[in-house]
Amino acid sequence: MIRMNLTLAIRAAHRTQNRCYSRASSKRWLDRQKQDFYTRESKLDNLRSRAGFKLAQLDDVYHVFHKSVPQRILDLGYAPGAWSQVARKRTHPDSIVLGVDILPCDPPFGVSSMQANILSKRTHQLIRQFFMEQIFMNDSQVESMARNDSDTEQQPQFPVNIILSDMYEPFPQLSPSLNNLTNMPYYRMSNTSGLNFKDHLNSIDLCDAALITAVDLLEPAGSFICKQFSGAETSLFEKRMKKVFDRVEITKPSASRDESKEIYFIGKKKKKNVDKLNVFC
């Protein structure tokens, strides 16, 4: 009985210690946010997060967005929506921006959204159908094609001009009640475990998912921007990128914090007839 009580006491102390650590960590993050230049500027510019400045700086160098012609843009892991805001602002008024995220998030003005898992083949089908509805035909024709499998070959194979990916793994839900850090996408930019190796492997998986999406949906000559936490497998991902794009660059914009392990892959001019099996062999 004494041993059981001691075990329960140790567990309770451990839970209390974890809560104290979590609160201290959250306070440090909030304090850093208050002092951060880009965080303050994002509020002045009505951006939903400081991440918008990173995409803007990447576009200043690599010129992905164009005002002269409409573009079809897919933003993966788009919550809270800052990247979609930048894409909307920097492109032609008739451009189409679709944000996809596994987390619920109200889209910014002028942006469409889809709550879905990009790892699902069904999600790829829904994305293709969305762009078809917006551009190529009326809703009744799309529904007819969706019901008739024999018509799937008529669907435009590569309906997207630009794919953006700022994905990272959401926090696990540790309690049955709603938790703001899990369910409010505005805090999602801090969703890393603190374990560099784990963060890197999770990031590689999501980058591969984004690259598969590019193979499936991005038009030849299309552009791709993807965030990754650098590590041992970064060079392997770079090799996969070079099988898909004629030009591959790795960079880190000045809006990224110095201590951050994040890097950004830019793929320009997607190659024709990319073989998915060859990319990942």
C-alpha atoms as a PDB file:
ATOM      1  CA  MET A   1       0.000   0.000   0.000  1.00  0.00           C
ATOM      2  CA  ILE A   2       2.845   2.361   0.909  1.00  0.00           C
ATOM      3  CA  ARG A   3       4.624   1.504  -2.361  1.00  0.00           C
ATOM      4  CA  MET A   4       1.449   2.234  -4.356  1.00  0.00           C
ATOM      5  CA  ASN A   5       0.984   5.585  -2.620  1.00  0.00           C
ATOM      6  CA  LEU A   6       4.620   6.450  -3.324  1.00  0.00           C
ATOM      7  CA  THR A   7       4.179   5.559  -7.011  1.00  0.00           C
ATOM      8  CA  LEU A   8       1.076   7.728  -7.260  1.00  0.00           C
ATOM      9  CA  ALA A   9       2.896  10.588  -5.555  1.00  0.00           C
ATOM     10  CA  ILE A  10       5.813  10.319  -8.004  1.00  0.00           C
ATOM     11  CA  ARG A  11       3.431  10.323 -10.964  1.00  0.00           C
ATOM     12  CA  ALA A  12       1.609  13.361  -9.611  1.00  0.00           C
ATOM     13  CA  ALA A  13       4.900  15.181  -9.087  1.00  0.00           C
ATOM     14  CA  HIS A  14       5.976  14.269 -12.630  1.00  0.00           C
ATOM     15  CA  ARG A  15       2.736  15.637 -14.078  1.00  0.00           C
ATOM     16  CA  THR A  16       3.131  18.835 -12.065  1.00  0.00           C
ATOM     17  CA  GLN A  17       6.717  19.201 -13.274  1.00  0.00           C
ATOM     18  CA  ASN A  18       5.621  18.721 -16.899  1.00  0.00           C
ATOM     19  CA  ARG A  19       2.899  21.344 -16.507  1.00  0.00           C
ATOM     20  CA  CYS A  20       5.370  23.797 -14.982  1.00  0.00           C
ATOM     21  CA  TYR A  21       7.851  23.147 -17.804  1.00  0.00           C
ATOM     22  CA  SER A  22       5.121  23.570 -20.400  1.00  0.00           C
ATOM     23  CA  ARG A  23       4.002  26.869 -18.865  1.00  0.00           C
ATOM     24  CA  ALA A  24       7.579  28.136 -18.663  1.00  0.00           C
ATOM     25  CA  SER A  25       8.243  27.114 -22.260  1.00  0.00           C
ATOM     26  CA  SER A  26       5.038  28.801 -23.439  1.00  0.00           C
ATOM     27  CA  LYS A  27       5.941  31.972 -21.537  1.00  0.00           C
ATOM     28  CA  ARG A  28       9.402  32.077 -23.122  1.00  0.00           C
ATOM     29  CA  TRP A  29       7.859  31.636 -26.581  1.00  0.00           C
ATOM     30  CA  LEU A  30       5.296  34.385 -25.957  1.00  0.00           C
ATOM     31  CA  ASP A  31       7.994  36.740 -24.632  1.00  0.00           C
ATOM     32  CA  ARG A  32      10.096  36.098 -27.735  1.00  0.00           C
ATOM     33  CA  GLN A  33       7.102  36.761 -29.968  1.00  0.00           C
ATOM     34  CA  LYS A  34       6.466  40.133 -28.324  1.00  0.00           C
ATOM     35  CA  GLN A  35      10.063  41.223 -28.926  1.00  0.00           C
ATOM     36  CA  ASP A  36      10.311  39.891 -32.488  1.00  0.00           C
ATOM     37  CA  PHE A  37      10.447  42.446 -35.307  1.00  0.00           C
ATOM     38  CA  TYR A  38       8.605  40.319 -37.876  1.00  0.00           C
ATOM     39  CA  THR A  39       5.886  39.403 -35.394  1.00  0.00           C
ATOM     40  CA  ARG A  40       5.206  43.090 -34.768  1.00  0.00           C
ATOM     41  CA  GLU A  41       5.332  43.874 -38.485  1.00  0.00           C
ATOM     42  CA  SER A  42       2.925  41.038 -39.302  1.00  0.00           C
ATOM     43  CA  LYS A  43       0.308  42.692 -37.093  1.00  0.00           C
ATOM     44  CA  LEU A  44       0.829  46.038 -38.810  1.00  0.00           C
ATOM     45  CA  ASP A  45       0.499  44.367 -42.230  1.00  0.00           C
ATOM     46  CA  ASN A  46      -2.537  42.320 -41.130  1.00  0.00           C
ATOM     47  CA  LEU A  47      -0.669  39.082 -41.765  1.00  0.00           C
ATOM     48  CA  ARG A  48      -1.835  36.102 -39.761  1.00  0.00           C
ATOM     49  CA  SER A  49       1.731  35.145 -38.831  1.00  0.00           C
ATOM     50  CA  ARG A  50       5.335  36.249 -39.341  1.00  0.00           C
ATOM     51  CA  ALA A  51       5.767  33.329 -41.768  1.00  0.00           C
ATOM     52  CA  GLY A  52       4.280  35.526 -44.469  1.00  0.00           C
ATOM     53  CA  PHE A  53       7.499  37.559 -44.570  1.00  0.00           C
ATOM     54  CA  LYS A  54       9.495  34.405 -45.297  1.00  0.00           C
ATOM     55  CA  LEU A  55       7.434  33.625 -48.381  1.00  0.00           C
ATOM     56  CA  ALA A  56       7.555  37.253 -49.522  1.00  0.00           C
ATOM     57  CA  GLN A  57      11.360  37.265 -49.219  1.00  0.00           C
ATOM     58  CA  LEU A  58      11.603  33.993 -51.148  1.00  0.00           C
ATOM     59  CA  ASP A  59       9.410  35.423 -53.896  1.00  0.00           C
ATOM     60  CA  ASP A  60      11.548  38.574 -54.063  1.00  0.00           C
ATOM     61  CA  VAL A  61      14.480  36.358 -55.062  1.00  0.00           C
ATOM     62  CA  TYR A  62      12.877  33.545 -57.070  1.00  0.00           C
ATOM     63  CA  HIS A  63       9.897  35.380 -58.640  1.00  0.00           C
ATOM     64  CA  VAL A  64       7.318  32.645 -58.269  1.00  0.00           C
ATOM     65  CA  PHE A  65       4.231  34.878 -58.310  1.00  0.00           C
ATOM     66  CA  HIS A  66       3.150  37.056 -61.235  1.00  0.00           C
ATOM     67  CA  LYS A  67       0.702  39.937 -61.436  1.00  0.00           C
ATOM     68  CA  SER A  68       0.406  39.758 -65.217  1.00  0.00           C
ATOM     69  CA  VAL A  69      -1.378  36.398 -65.581  1.00  0.00           C
ATOM     70  CA  PRO A  70      -3.771  34.395 -63.367  1.00  0.00           C
ATOM     71  CA  GLN A  71      -2.143  31.528 -61.477  1.00  0.00           C
ATOM     72  CA  ARG A  72      -3.549  28.473 -59.712  1.00  0.00           C
ATOM     73  CA  ILE A  73      -1.889  28.080 -56.328  1.00  0.00           C
ATOM     74  CA  LEU A  74      -2.086  25.204 -53.831  1.00  0.00           C
ATOM     75  CA  ASP A  75      -0.968  26.007 -50.267  1.00  0.00           C
ATOM     76  CA  LEU A  76      -0.350  22.865 -48.178  1.00  0.00           C
ATOM     77  CA  GLY A  77      -0.436  23.186 -44.395  1.00  0.00           C
ATOM     78  CA  TYR A  78      -1.836  26.655 -44.921  1.00  0.00           C
ATOM     79  CA  ALA A  79      -3.112  27.395 -41.375  1.00  0.00           C
ATOM     80  CA  PRO A  80      -3.089  30.072 -40.069  1.00  0.00           C
ATOM     81  CA  GLY A  81      -3.079  31.473 -43.608  1.00  0.00           C
ATOM     82  CA  ALA A  82      -0.193  33.951 -43.909  1.00  0.00           C
ATOM     83  CA  TRP A  83       1.320  32.233 -46.952  1.00  0.00           C
ATOM     84  CA  SER A  84      -2.056  32.240 -48.681  1.00  0.00           C
ATOM     85  CA  GLN A  85      -2.390  35.945 -47.876  1.00  0.00           C
ATOM     86  CA  VAL A  86       0.964  36.677 -49.521  1.00  0.00           C
ATOM     87  CA  ALA A  87       0.089  34.539 -52.546  1.00  0.00           C
ATOM     88  CA  ARG A  88      -3.246  36.313 -52.909  1.00  0.00           C
ATOM     89  CA  LYS A  89      -1.621  39.752 -52.662  1.00  0.00           C
ATOM     90  CA  ARG A  90       1.236  39.075 -55.087  1.00  0.00           C
ATOM     91  CA  THR A  91      -0.725  37.481 -57.919  1.00  0.00           C
ATOM     92  CA  HIS A  92      -3.246  38.497 -60.557  1.00  0.00           C
ATOM     93  CA  PRO A  93      -6.744  39.314 -59.184  1.00  0.00           C
ATOM     94  CA  ASP A  94      -8.153  36.316 -61.081  1.00  0.00           C
ATOM     95  CA  SER A  95      -5.677  33.880 -59.545  1.00  0.00           C
ATOM     96  CA  ILE A  96      -7.080  30.966 -57.543  1.00  0.00           C
ATOM     97  CA  VAL A  97      -5.570  30.130 -54.147  1.00  0.00           C
ATOM     98  CA  LEU A  98      -6.594  26.929 -52.346  1.00  0.00           C
ATOM     99  CA  GLY A  99      -5.355  26.247 -48.825  1.00  0.00           C
ATOM    100  CA  VAL A 100      -5.373  22.644 -47.575  1.00  0.00           C
ATOM    101  CA  ASP A 101      -4.774  21.718 -43.953  1.00  0.00           C
ATOM    102  CA  ILE A 102      -5.668  18.893 -41.609  1.00  0.00           C
ATOM    103  CA  LEU A 103      -6.456  21.555 -38.994  1.00  0.00           C
ATOM    104  CA  PRO A 104      -9.607  23.697 -39.162  1.00  0.00           C
ATOM    105  CA  CYS A 105      -8.912  27.289 -40.158  1.00  0.00           C
ATOM    106  CA  ASP A 106     -11.012  30.107 -41.597  1.00  0.00           C
ATOM    107  CA  PRO A 107      -9.399  31.118 -44.907  1.00  0.00           C
ATOM    108  CA  PRO A 108      -8.182  34.670 -45.529  1.00  0.00           C
ATOM    109  CA  PHE A 109     -10.183  36.917 -47.837  1.00  0.00           C
ATOM    110  CA  GLY A 110     -10.009  35.756 -51.445  1.00  0.00           C
ATOM    111  CA  VAL A 111      -8.715  32.287 -50.520  1.00  0.00           C
ATOM    112  CA  SER A 112     -10.577  28.974 -50.669  1.00  0.00           C
ATOM    113  CA  SER A 113      -9.865  26.229 -48.155  1.00  0.00           C
ATOM    114  CA  MET A 114     -10.208  22.498 -47.665  1.00  0.00           C
ATOM    115  CA  GLN A 115      -9.805  20.614 -44.382  1.00  0.00           C
ATOM    116  CA  ALA A 116      -8.221  17.353 -45.497  1.00  0.00           C
ATOM    117  CA  ASN A 117      -5.214  15.067 -45.123  1.00  0.00           C
ATOM    118  CA  ILE A 118      -2.756  15.543 -47.976  1.00  0.00           C
ATOM    119  CA  LEU A 119      -1.489  11.985 -47.389  1.00  0.00           C
ATOM    120  CA  SER A 120      -4.807  10.716 -48.767  1.00  0.00           C
ATOM    121  CA  LYS A 121      -5.211   9.947 -52.466  1.00  0.00           C
ATOM    122  CA  ARG A 122      -8.811  11.110 -52.117  1.00  0.00           C
ATOM    123  CA  THR A 123      -7.543  14.567 -51.136  1.00  0.00           C
ATOM    124  CA  HIS A 124      -5.578  14.765 -54.395  1.00  0.00           C
ATOM    125  CA  GLN A 125      -8.771  13.916 -56.271  1.00  0.00           C
ATOM    126  CA  LEU A 126     -10.703  16.612 -54.410  1.00  0.00           C
ATOM    127  CA  ILE A 127      -8.018  19.203 -55.159  1.00  0.00           C
ATOM    128  CA  ARG A 128      -8.111  18.367 -58.864  1.00  0.00           C
ATOM    129  CA  GLN A 129     -11.910  18.532 -58.839  1.00  0.00           C
ATOM    130  CA  PHE A 130     -11.829  21.913 -57.070  1.00  0.00           C
ATOM    131  CA  PHE A 131      -9.674  23.515 -59.750  1.00  0.00           C
ATOM    132  CA  MET A 132     -11.817  21.965 -62.468  1.00  0.00           C
ATOM    133  CA  GLU A 133     -14.914  23.513 -60.934  1.00  0.00           C
ATOM    134  CA  GLN A 134     -13.240  26.900 -60.743  1.00  0.00           C
ATOM    135  CA  ILE A 135     -11.787  27.018 -64.218  1.00  0.00           C
ATOM    136  CA  PHE A 136     -12.788  24.455 -66.750  1.00  0.00           C
ATOM    137  CA  MET A 137     -16.479  23.625 -66.465  1.00  0.00           C
ATOM    138  CA  ASN A 138     -19.706  24.054 -64.571  1.00  0.00           C
ATOM    139  CA  ASP A 139     -20.613  22.108 -61.449  1.00  0.00           C
ATOM    140  CA  SER A 140     -23.028  19.703 -63.144  1.00  0.00           C
ATOM    141  CA  GLN A 141     -20.332  18.508 -65.557  1.00  0.00           C
ATOM    142  CA  VAL A 142     -17.874  17.960 -62.709  1.00  0.00           C
ATOM    143  CA  GLU A 143     -20.406  15.930 -60.736  1.00  0.00           C
ATOM    144  CA  SER A 144     -21.158  13.825 -63.805  1.00  0.00           C
ATOM    145  CA  MET A 145     -17.474  13.086 -64.339  1.00  0.00           C
ATOM    146  CA  ALA A 146     -16.984  12.266 -60.660  1.00  0.00           C
ATOM    147  CA  ARG A 147     -19.771   9.665 -60.880  1.00  0.00           C
ATOM    148  CA  ASN A 148     -18.423   8.133 -64.088  1.00  0.00           C
ATOM    149  CA  ASP A 149     -15.015   6.503 -63.613  1.00  0.00           C
ATOM    150  CA  SER A 150     -14.589   6.111 -67.370  1.00  0.00           C
ATOM    151  CA  ASP A 151     -14.395   9.885 -67.713  1.00  0.00           C
ATOM    152  CA  THR A 152     -11.514  10.367 -65.284  1.00  0.00           C
ATOM    153  CA  GLU A 153      -8.978  10.347 -68.123  1.00  0.00           C
ATOM    154  CA  GLN A 154     -10.599  13.512 -69.450  1.00  0.00           C
ATOM    155  CA  GLN A 155      -9.746  15.401 -66.274  1.00  0.00           C
ATOM    156  CA  PRO A 156      -6.865  17.870 -66.584  1.00  0.00           C
ATOM    157  CA  GLN A 157      -3.911  15.984 -65.167  1.00  0.00           C
ATOM    158  CA  PHE A 158      -1.911  18.928 -63.841  1.00  0.00           C
ATOM    159  CA  PRO A 159      -4.260  21.785 -62.825  1.00  0.00           C
ATOM    160  CA  VAL A 160      -1.862  23.603 -60.443  1.00  0.00           C
ATOM    161  CA  ASN A 161       0.790  26.208 -61.369  1.00  0.00           C
ATOM    162  CA  ILE A 162       2.402  26.665 -57.937  1.00  0.00           C
ATOM    163  CA  ILE A 163       2.562  24.442 -54.846  1.00  0.00           C
ATOM    164  CA  LEU A 164       3.554  25.887 -51.480  1.00  0.00           C
ATOM    165  CA  SER A 165       4.202  23.726 -48.422  1.00  0.00           C
ATOM    166  CA  ASP A 166       4.715  25.032 -44.911  1.00  0.00           C
ATOM    167  CA  MET A 167       3.591  21.767 -43.335  1.00  0.00           C
ATOM    168  CA  TYR A 168       4.662  20.378 -40.003  1.00  0.00           C
ATOM    169  CA  GLU A 169       3.168  17.875 -37.607  1.00  0.00           C
ATOM    170  CA  PRO A 170       0.339  19.185 -35.385  1.00  0.00           C
ATOM    171  CA  PHE A 171       0.544  18.753 -31.617  1.00  0.00           C
ATOM    172  CA  PRO A 172      -1.009  15.470 -30.400  1.00  0.00           C
ATOM    173  CA  GLN A 173      -4.210  15.919 -28.412  1.00  0.00           C
ATOM    174  CA  LEU A 174      -3.269  14.807 -24.901  1.00  0.00           C
ATOM    175  CA  SER A 175      -6.565  15.472 -23.148  1.00  0.00           C
ATOM    176  CA  PRO A 176     -10.217  14.871 -24.040  1.00  0.00           C
ATOM    177  CA  SER A 177     -10.980  18.575 -23.729  1.00  0.00           C
ATOM    178  CA  LEU A 178     -10.115  21.141 -26.371  1.00  0.00           C
ATOM    179  CA  ASN A 179      -6.632  22.565 -26.063  1.00  0.00           C
ATOM    180  CA  ASN A 180      -5.891  25.939 -27.632  1.00  0.00           C
ATOM    181  CA  LEU A 181      -2.327  25.006 -28.542  1.00  0.00           C
ATOM    182  CA  THR A 182      -3.652  22.017 -30.465  1.00  0.00           C
ATOM    183  CA  ASN A 183      -6.804  23.390 -31.983  1.00  0.00           C
ATOM    184  CA  MET A 184      -5.990  27.039 -32.677  1.00  0.00           C
ATOM    185  CA  PRO A 185      -3.897  27.161 -35.853  1.00  0.00           C
ATOM    186  CA  TYR A 186      -2.547  30.583 -34.877  1.00  0.00           C
ATOM    187  CA  TYR A 187      -0.106  28.876 -32.498  1.00  0.00           C
ATOM    188  CA  ARG A 188       0.887  26.216 -34.969  1.00  0.00           C
ATOM    189  CA  MET A 189       4.167  27.854 -35.991  1.00  0.00           C
ATOM    190  CA  SER A 190       5.682  26.617 -32.686  1.00  0.00           C
ATOM    191  CA  ASN A 191       4.756  22.956 -33.233  1.00  0.00           C
ATOM    192  CA  THR A 192       8.145  21.333 -32.977  1.00  0.00           C
ATOM    193  CA  SER A 193       9.113  18.766 -30.379  1.00  0.00           C
ATOM    194  CA  GLY A 194      12.478  20.254 -29.428  1.00  0.00           C
ATOM    195  CA  LEU A 195      14.121  16.998 -30.551  1.00  0.00           C
ATOM    196  CA  ASN A 196      16.000  17.876 -33.725  1.00  0.00           C
ATOM    197  CA  PHE A 197      16.191  14.320 -35.082  1.00  0.00           C
ATOM    198  CA  LYS A 198      12.466  13.676 -34.585  1.00  0.00           C
ATOM    199  CA  ASP A 199      11.521  17.055 -36.059  1.00  0.00           C
ATOM    200  CA  HIS A 200      13.747  16.375 -39.065  1.00  0.00           C
ATOM    201  CA  LEU A 201      12.237  12.961 -39.822  1.00  0.00           C
ATOM    202  CA  ASN A 202       8.686  14.275 -39.435  1.00  0.00           C
ATOM    203  CA  SER A 203       9.598  17.147 -41.725  1.00  0.00           C
ATOM    204  CA  ILE A 204      11.070  14.806 -44.359  1.00  0.00           C
ATOM    205  CA  ASP A 205       7.849  12.767 -44.389  1.00  0.00           C
ATOM    206  CA  LEU A 206       5.759  15.884 -44.965  1.00  0.00           C
ATOM    207  CA  CYS A 207       8.142  17.208 -47.623  1.00  0.00           C
ATOM    208  CA  ASP A 208       7.878  13.874 -49.425  1.00  0.00           C
ATOM    209  CA  ALA A 209       4.081  14.149 -49.238  1.00  0.00           C
ATOM    210  CA  ALA A 210       4.286  17.628 -50.767  1.00  0.00           C
ATOM    211  CA  LEU A 211       6.640  16.377 -53.488  1.00  0.00           C
ATOM    212  CA  ILE A 212       4.259  13.516 -54.342  1.00  0.00           C
ATOM    213  CA  THR A 213       1.503  16.114 -54.618  1.00  0.00           C
ATOM    214  CA  ALA A 214       3.696  18.076 -57.017  1.00  0.00           C
ATOM    215  CA  VAL A 215       4.293  15.001 -59.166  1.00  0.00           C
ATOM    216  CA  ASP A 216       0.545  14.320 -59.264  1.00  0.00           C
ATOM    217  CA  LEU A 217      -0.884  17.834 -59.651  1.00  0.00           C
ATOM    218  CA  LEU A 218       1.749  20.423 -60.600  1.00  0.00           C
ATOM    219  CA  GLU A 219       1.943  21.389 -64.262  1.00  0.00           C
ATOM    220  CA  PRO A 220       5.172  20.968 -66.253  1.00  0.00           C
ATOM    221  CA  ALA A 221       7.290  24.121 -65.774  1.00  0.00           C
ATOM    222  CA  GLY A 222       5.442  24.760 -62.487  1.00  0.00           C
ATOM    223  CA  SER A 223       7.068  26.040 -59.276  1.00  0.00           C
ATOM    224  CA  PHE A 224       7.348  24.540 -55.786  1.00  0.00           C
ATOM    225  CA  ILE A 225       8.355  25.971 -52.395  1.00  0.00           C
ATOM    226  CA  CYS A 226       8.708  23.671 -49.397  1.00  0.00           C
ATOM    227  CA  LYS A 227       9.884  24.186 -45.825  1.00  0.00           C
ATOM    228  CA  GLN A 228      12.041  21.555 -44.152  1.00  0.00           C
ATOM    229  CA  PHE A 229      13.853  21.118 -40.840  1.00  0.00           C
ATOM    230  CA  SER A 230      17.378  20.288 -41.984  1.00  0.00           C
ATOM    231  CA  GLY A 231      19.178  17.121 -40.978  1.00  0.00           C
ATOM    232  CA  ALA A 232      20.821  13.926 -42.158  1.00  0.00           C
ATOM    233  CA  GLU A 233      18.299  13.189 -44.926  1.00  0.00           C
ATOM    234  CA  THR A 234      18.207  16.674 -46.429  1.00  0.00           C
ATOM    235  CA  SER A 235      20.657  15.701 -49.180  1.00  0.00           C
ATOM    236  CA  LEU A 236      18.496  12.694 -50.099  1.00  0.00           C
ATOM    237  CA  PHE A 237      15.446  14.912 -50.416  1.00  0.00           C
ATOM    238  CA  GLU A 238      17.466  17.283 -52.595  1.00  0.00           C
ATOM    239  CA  LYS A 239      18.232  14.380 -54.945  1.00  0.00           C
ATOM    240  CA  ARG A 240      14.526  13.582 -55.180  1.00  0.00           C
ATOM    241  CA  MET A 241      13.779  17.233 -55.909  1.00  0.00           C
ATOM    242  CA  LYS A 242      16.292  17.243 -58.766  1.00  0.00           C
ATOM    243  CA  LYS A 243      14.450  14.340 -60.380  1.00  0.00           C
ATOM    244  CA  VAL A 244      11.302  16.489 -60.494  1.00  0.00           C
ATOM    245  CA  PHE A 245      12.610  20.028 -61.222  1.00  0.00           C
ATOM    246  CA  ASP A 246      15.174  21.459 -63.621  1.00  0.00           C
ATOM    247  CA  ARG A 247      16.294  24.005 -61.036  1.00  0.00           C
ATOM    248  CA  VAL A 248      16.534  23.323 -57.288  1.00  0.00           C
ATOM    249  CA  GLU A 249      17.702  25.855 -54.702  1.00  0.00           C
ATOM    250  CA  ILE A 250      18.051  25.627 -50.917  1.00  0.00           C
ATOM    251  CA  THR A 251      17.902  28.824 -48.897  1.00  0.00           C
ATOM    252  CA  LYS A 252      16.924  30.412 -45.604  1.00  0.00           C
ATOM    253  CA  PRO A 253      15.241  33.831 -45.714  1.00  0.00           C
ATOM    254  CA  SER A 254      16.284  36.560 -43.297  1.00  0.00           C
ATOM    255  CA  ALA A 255      12.866  36.395 -41.603  1.00  0.00           C
ATOM    256  CA  SER A 256      13.796  32.938 -40.284  1.00  0.00           C
ATOM    257  CA  ARG A 257      15.287  33.017 -36.817  1.00  0.00           C
ATOM    258  CA  ASP A 258      19.027  32.404 -36.644  1.00  0.00           C
ATOM    259  CA  GLU A 259      18.612  29.461 -34.278  1.00  0.00           C
ATOM    260  CA  SER A 260      15.962  27.790 -36.439  1.00  0.00           C
ATOM    261  CA  LYS A 261      16.825  24.594 -38.319  1.00  0.00           C
ATOM    262  CA  GLU A 262      14.322  25.414 -41.047  1.00  0.00           C
ATOM    263  CA  ILE A 263      15.429  25.682 -44.649  1.00  0.00           C
ATOM    264  CA  TYR A 264      13.428  26.191 -47.833  1.00  0.00           C
ATOM    265  CA  PHE A 265      13.568  24.190 -51.050  1.00  0.00           C
ATOM    266  CA  ILE A 266      12.636  26.024 -54.230  1.00  0.00           C
ATOM    267  CA  GLY A 267      11.868  23.971 -57.311  1.00  0.00           C
ATOM    268  CA  LYS A 268      11.511  25.780 -60.649  1.00  0.00           C
ATOM    269  CA  LYS A 269      10.461  24.362 -64.022  1.00  0.00           C
ATOM    270  CA  LYS A 270       8.958  20.989 -63.206  1.00  0.00           C
ATOM    271  CA  LYS A 271      10.105  18.358 -65.681  1.00  0.00           C
ATOM    272  CA  LYS A 272       7.748  16.580 -68.066  1.00  0.00           C
ATOM    273  CA  ASN A 273       6.792  12.914 -67.673  1.00  0.00           C
ATOM    274  CA  VAL A 274       8.086  12.560 -64.116  1.00  0.00           C
ATOM    275  CA  ASP A 275       7.960   8.937 -62.932  1.00  0.00           C
ATOM    276  CA  LYS A 276       6.936   8.839 -59.279  1.00  0.00           C
ATOM    277  CA  LEU A 277       8.563   5.445 -58.723  1.00  0.00           C
ATOM    278  CA  ASN A 278      11.840   6.719 -60.150  1.00  0.00           C
ATOM    279  CA  VAL A 279      11.744   9.785 -57.877  1.00  0.00           C
ATOM    280  CA  PHE A 280      11.583   7.660 -54.732  1.00  0.00           C
ATOM    281  CA  CYS A 281      13.707   4.692 -55.753  1.00  0.00           C
END
